[in-house]
């Protein structure tokens, strides 16, 4: 599951409760490929979610790892076509992240500009050439030695102008199954520099649960793969 959020920052941080607007949507997939029983269960749960919260965005593709780029582009399409110009930022985050919204907003208010921003955990390196690796790319599929710098999938923050430019250029960029690398290609075409956000921790920086209070200082953490661990972080985080 991937969560898409559109944030409009219209006031000083300490007046958040009155003036901040945050719209949150869930990006979901086609039911094709599911067994009949799973299909019925998914439809029932999703129809109920939509009826109560009206927060689902759906397109017709199979939810597989190779289709992640379709899912991200779907979110950018919705933001570009449906959100008004008052949305300053778009934030994509995976469902297994623990997110401290208060710290995210503090970060945004301290930015010098709300334009030309593409941030998160920045990566730069060679493609995986091991044939059975999850991220394998052959020389025919990608002949270059390195990927351009990109923001790792899981948590990506875009200013409104960059989100819209990313979506437009996606129409003219060959499909690549790894969404984070794909948008790194687009950022390179647009000459947009990836920004390292050090308070977003990836799963590779795993810390034992007894140190979980460190999350109060973070924007987000991908270290916790279980729902109860993520809930534990939210219970500890200060309320907005």
Protein backbone atom coordinates (compact mmCIF):
# COMPACT_ATOMS: atom_id res chain seq x y z
CA UNK A 1 0.00 0.00 0.00
CA UNK A 2 1.25 3.48 -0.78
CA UNK A 3 -0.13 6.62 0.79
CA UNK A 4 -0.26 9.93 -1.07
CA UNK A 5 -0.75 13.20 0.74
CA UNK A 6 -1.19 16.75 -0.45
CA UNK A 7 -0.21 19.45 2.03
CA UNK A 8 -1.19 23.08 1.84
CA UNK A 9 0.82 25.29 4.20
CA UNK A 10 -1.09 28.50 4.68
CA UNK A 11 -0.04 29.72 8.10
CA UNK A 12 2.73 29.79 10.65
CA UNK A 13 3.49 26.45 12.29
CA UNK A 14 2.05 27.44 15.66
CA UNK A 15 -1.34 28.14 14.07
CA UNK A 16 -1.57 24.69 12.50
CA UNK A 17 -4.83 23.61 14.04
CA UNK A 18 -6.74 26.48 12.41
CA UNK A 19 -5.09 26.87 9.03
CA UNK A 20 -3.27 23.73 7.93
CA UNK A 21 -4.87 21.56 5.25
CA UNK A 22 -3.68 17.97 4.77
CA UNK A 23 -5.44 15.67 2.30
CA UNK A 24 -4.51 12.00 2.52
CA UNK A 25 -5.32 9.36 -0.11
CA UNK A 26 -4.47 5.69 -0.52
CA UNK A 27 -3.23 4.44 -3.88
CA UNK A 28 -4.72 1.03 -4.71
CA UNK A 29 -4.89 -1.44 -7.58
CA UNK A 30 -7.10 -3.54 -9.82
CA UNK A 31 -8.70 -6.68 -8.39
CA UNK A 32 -7.67 -8.73 -11.42
CA UNK A 33 -5.46 -11.67 -10.54
CA UNK A 34 -6.97 -12.26 -7.11
CA UNK A 35 -8.83 -15.44 -6.34
CA UNK A 36 -12.62 -15.08 -6.17
CA UNK A 37 -12.77 -15.15 -2.37
CA UNK A 38 -9.95 -12.61 -1.96
CA UNK A 39 -11.58 -10.48 -4.63
CA UNK A 40 -14.85 -10.34 -2.68
CA UNK A 41 -13.05 -9.53 0.58
CA UNK A 42 -10.99 -6.75 -0.98
CA UNK A 43 -13.97 -5.21 -2.70
CA UNK A 44 -16.04 -5.26 0.47
CA UNK A 45 -13.28 -3.66 2.57
CA UNK A 46 -12.42 -1.04 -0.03
CA UNK A 47 -16.03 -0.10 -0.75
CA UNK A 48 -16.54 0.37 2.98
CA UNK A 49 -13.39 2.52 3.26
CA UNK A 50 -14.45 4.67 0.32
CA UNK A 51 -18.01 5.06 1.61
CA UNK A 52 -16.78 6.26 5.00
CA UNK A 53 -13.69 8.29 4.13
CA UNK A 54 -13.72 8.88 0.35
CA UNK A 55 -9.91 8.58 0.33
CA UNK A 56 -9.07 5.95 -2.32
CA UNK A 57 -7.48 6.49 -5.72
CA UNK A 58 -7.68 3.44 -8.01
CA UNK A 59 -6.53 2.58 -11.52
CA UNK A 60 -6.59 -0.58 -13.59
CA UNK A 61 -3.31 -2.42 -13.09
CA UNK A 62 -2.06 -5.38 -11.04
CA UNK A 63 -0.44 -4.39 -7.74
CA UNK A 64 2.95 -5.99 -8.30
CA UNK A 65 6.48 -4.78 -7.60
CA UNK A 66 7.10 -4.33 -11.31
CA UNK A 67 4.11 -1.97 -11.48
CA UNK A 68 5.11 0.42 -8.69
CA UNK A 69 5.88 3.17 -11.18
CA UNK A 70 2.26 3.05 -12.41
CA UNK A 71 1.12 3.53 -8.83
CA UNK A 72 3.33 6.56 -8.22
CA UNK A 73 2.37 8.13 -11.54
CA UNK A 74 -1.28 7.58 -10.64
CA UNK A 75 -0.80 9.70 -7.53
CA UNK A 76 0.96 12.42 -9.49
CA UNK A 77 -1.86 12.42 -12.04
CA UNK A 78 -4.45 12.94 -9.32
CA UNK A 79 -2.41 15.72 -7.73
CA UNK A 80 -1.90 17.46 -11.07
CA UNK A 81 -5.48 17.19 -12.31
CA UNK A 82 -7.54 17.34 -9.12
CA UNK A 83 -5.66 19.38 -6.50
CA UNK A 84 -5.82 23.15 -6.64
CA UNK A 85 -2.75 25.36 -6.77
CA UNK A 86 -2.86 25.89 -3.00
CA UNK A 87 -1.15 22.57 -2.33
CA UNK A 88 2.47 23.40 -1.58
CA UNK A 89 3.80 19.85 -1.27
CA UNK A 90 2.98 16.27 -2.19
CA UNK A 91 4.29 13.48 0.04
CA UNK A 92 4.34 9.78 -0.86
CA UNK A 93 4.92 7.29 1.93
CA UNK A 94 4.64 3.51 2.22
CA UNK A 95 2.16 1.99 4.65
CA UNK A 96 4.87 0.42 6.80
CA UNK A 97 6.53 3.75 7.63
CA UNK A 98 6.06 5.40 11.01
CA UNK A 99 5.48 9.07 10.22
CA UNK A 100 5.67 11.96 12.68
CA UNK A 101 3.56 14.59 10.94
CA UNK A 102 4.47 17.29 13.47
CA UNK A 103 8.18 16.90 12.68
CA UNK A 104 7.45 16.81 8.95
CA UNK A 105 5.62 20.12 9.20
CA UNK A 106 8.44 21.67 11.22
CA UNK A 107 10.82 20.63 8.45
CA UNK A 108 8.60 22.17 5.77
CA UNK A 109 8.24 25.47 7.59
CA UNK A 110 12.01 25.74 7.92
CA UNK A 111 12.59 25.35 4.18
CA UNK A 112 13.82 28.50 2.49
CA UNK A 113 11.67 27.84 -0.58
CA UNK A 114 8.54 25.86 -1.43
CA UNK A 115 9.73 25.44 -5.02
CA UNK A 116 11.96 22.98 -6.88
CA UNK A 117 12.09 20.47 -4.00
CA UNK A 118 12.63 16.70 -4.41
CA UNK A 119 13.62 15.14 -1.11
CA UNK A 120 13.88 12.03 1.02
CA UNK A 121 16.55 9.36 1.47
CA UNK A 122 18.93 9.94 -1.43
CA UNK A 123 20.65 6.99 -3.13
CA UNK A 124 23.29 6.73 -5.80
CA UNK A 125 24.87 3.55 -7.09
CA UNK A 126 25.13 0.86 -9.75
CA UNK A 127 22.26 -1.41 -10.90
CA UNK A 128 22.08 -4.92 -9.48
CA UNK A 129 23.48 -7.34 -12.05
CA UNK A 130 22.83 -10.55 -10.07
CA UNK A 131 20.27 -12.40 -12.17
CA UNK A 132 17.97 -13.53 -9.35
CA UNK A 133 18.05 -10.29 -7.37
CA UNK A 134 14.77 -8.43 -6.83
CA UNK A 135 16.23 -5.34 -8.49
CA UNK A 136 18.08 -7.13 -11.30
CA UNK A 137 18.60 -5.20 -14.53
CA UNK A 138 20.53 -6.68 -17.45
CA UNK A 139 22.88 -4.62 -19.60
CA UNK A 140 20.23 -4.69 -22.32
CA UNK A 141 17.67 -3.25 -19.90
CA UNK A 142 20.04 -0.62 -18.48
CA UNK A 143 23.47 -0.36 -20.13
CA UNK A 144 25.00 2.31 -17.88
CA UNK A 145 27.29 1.80 -14.90
CA UNK A 146 25.34 3.92 -12.42
CA UNK A 147 21.84 5.19 -11.81
CA UNK A 148 21.48 8.95 -11.43
CA UNK A 149 20.90 10.15 -7.84
CA UNK A 150 17.33 9.39 -6.75
CA UNK A 151 15.09 9.48 -3.70
CA UNK A 152 14.45 5.99 -2.36
CA UNK A 153 10.92 4.65 -2.62
CA UNK A 154 9.02 4.59 0.63
CA UNK A 155 9.04 8.30 1.41
CA UNK A 156 9.32 11.03 -1.21
CA UNK A 157 8.53 14.73 -0.72
CA UNK A 158 7.86 16.92 -3.75
CA UNK A 159 7.03 20.59 -4.04
CA UNK A 160 3.92 21.29 -6.09
CA UNK A 161 5.84 22.51 -9.13
CA UNK A 162 8.13 19.46 -9.19
CA UNK A 163 5.23 17.03 -8.76
CA UNK A 164 3.46 18.51 -11.78
CA UNK A 165 6.62 18.59 -13.90
CA UNK A 166 7.36 14.96 -12.95
CA UNK A 167 3.90 13.92 -14.13
CA UNK A 168 4.17 15.81 -17.41
CA UNK A 169 7.60 14.37 -18.20
CA UNK A 170 6.42 10.84 -17.32
CA UNK A 171 4.55 10.93 -20.65
CA UNK A 172 7.88 11.29 -22.44
CA UNK A 173 10.04 8.94 -20.34
CA UNK A 174 10.33 5.22 -21.05
CA UNK A 175 8.77 3.06 -18.36
CA UNK A 176 11.12 1.66 -15.71
CA UNK A 177 9.75 -0.74 -13.07
CA UNK A 178 11.58 0.76 -10.08
CA UNK A 179 9.62 3.91 -9.32
CA UNK A 180 12.33 5.64 -7.31
CA UNK A 181 14.94 5.14 -10.04
CA UNK A 182 12.40 6.18 -12.69
CA UNK A 183 11.78 9.52 -11.01
CA UNK A 184 15.53 9.90 -10.63
CA UNK A 185 15.70 9.73 -14.44
CA UNK A 186 13.04 12.42 -14.68
CA UNK A 187 14.76 14.60 -12.07
CA UNK A 188 17.97 14.40 -14.09
CA UNK A 189 16.14 15.46 -17.25
CA UNK A 190 14.64 18.41 -15.38
CA UNK A 191 17.92 19.28 -13.64
CA UNK A 192 16.23 18.92 -10.24
CA UNK A 193 18.66 18.00 -7.46
CA UNK A 194 17.69 15.32 -4.94
CA UNK A 195 17.78 16.60 -1.34
CA UNK A 196 18.90 14.31 1.50
CA UNK A 197 16.45 14.39 4.44
CA UNK A 198 18.48 12.89 7.28
CA UNK A 199 15.47 12.54 9.60
CA UNK A 200 13.87 9.96 7.30
CA UNK A 201 15.48 6.65 8.19
CA UNK A 202 15.40 3.62 5.85
CA UNK A 203 15.03 0.02 7.01
CA UNK A 204 18.79 -0.56 6.59
CA UNK A 205 19.41 1.53 9.72
CA UNK A 206 17.67 -0.85 12.06
CA UNK A 207 17.72 -0.05 15.76
CA UNK A 208 16.31 -2.37 18.46
CA UNK A 209 12.78 -1.59 19.60
CA UNK A 210 14.02 -0.50 23.05
CA UNK A 211 15.52 2.54 21.30
CA UNK A 212 12.26 3.41 19.58
CA UNK A 213 11.96 6.74 21.39
CA UNK A 214 14.49 8.01 18.86
CA UNK A 215 11.47 8.22 16.54
CA UNK A 216 10.18 11.25 18.42
CA UNK A 217 13.05 13.18 16.82
CA UNK A 218 12.46 11.76 13.33
CA UNK A 219 10.19 12.69 10.45
CA UNK A 220 9.74 9.03 9.57
CA UNK A 221 11.22 5.61 10.06
CA UNK A 222 11.04 2.52 7.86
CA UNK A 223 12.62 0.34 10.51
CA UNK A 224 9.39 -1.19 11.76
CA UNK A 225 7.77 -3.74 9.48
CA UNK A 226 4.98 -4.85 11.81
CA UNK A 227 1.78 -2.91 12.27
CA UNK A 228 1.94 -3.09 16.07
CA UNK A 229 5.43 -1.56 15.99
CA UNK A 230 4.23 1.29 13.79
CA UNK A 231 1.25 1.83 16.12
CA UNK A 232 3.68 1.92 19.07
CA UNK A 233 5.52 4.82 17.45
CA UNK A 234 2.31 6.74 16.77
CA UNK A 235 1.20 6.35 20.38
CA UNK A 236 4.47 7.87 21.53
CA UNK A 237 4.53 10.73 19.03
CA UNK A 238 3.20 14.14 20.09
CA UNK A 239 -0.24 14.90 18.70
CA UNK A 240 -0.61 17.62 16.09
